[in-house]
């Protein structure tokens, strides 16, 4: 578990993310460090988060799929919304998510 400015953080694994997003009718993919390691065929380091990419057109469907998650903007906080209404509808907006009521489990997109 990692300590962050948002509190203790226990990142999901890519397999857990796949389970979480099962049933989402939109393309998504693992990005960032895990994707680089999959491409390289070897593990370079431990990870403090899982980066998930998705198409902007699918962000509302993803929000509905994760309706019970609290979402926090990590970039452009004035434009992304806050809490369960946070969304990545503006360029450069990154959202961090945690299961509602669980302050130590989540990932980012």
Foldseek 3Di string as FASTA:
>chain_A
DDQDPLGAADEDDPVVVCVLCPPQPFDKDWDDQVVVCVVVVHHDDDDRAIEMDGDLVCFVSVLVSLQQKFKAWPPPRVPQDGTSSGTDNDPPTKIWIDGPPDSHYTHID
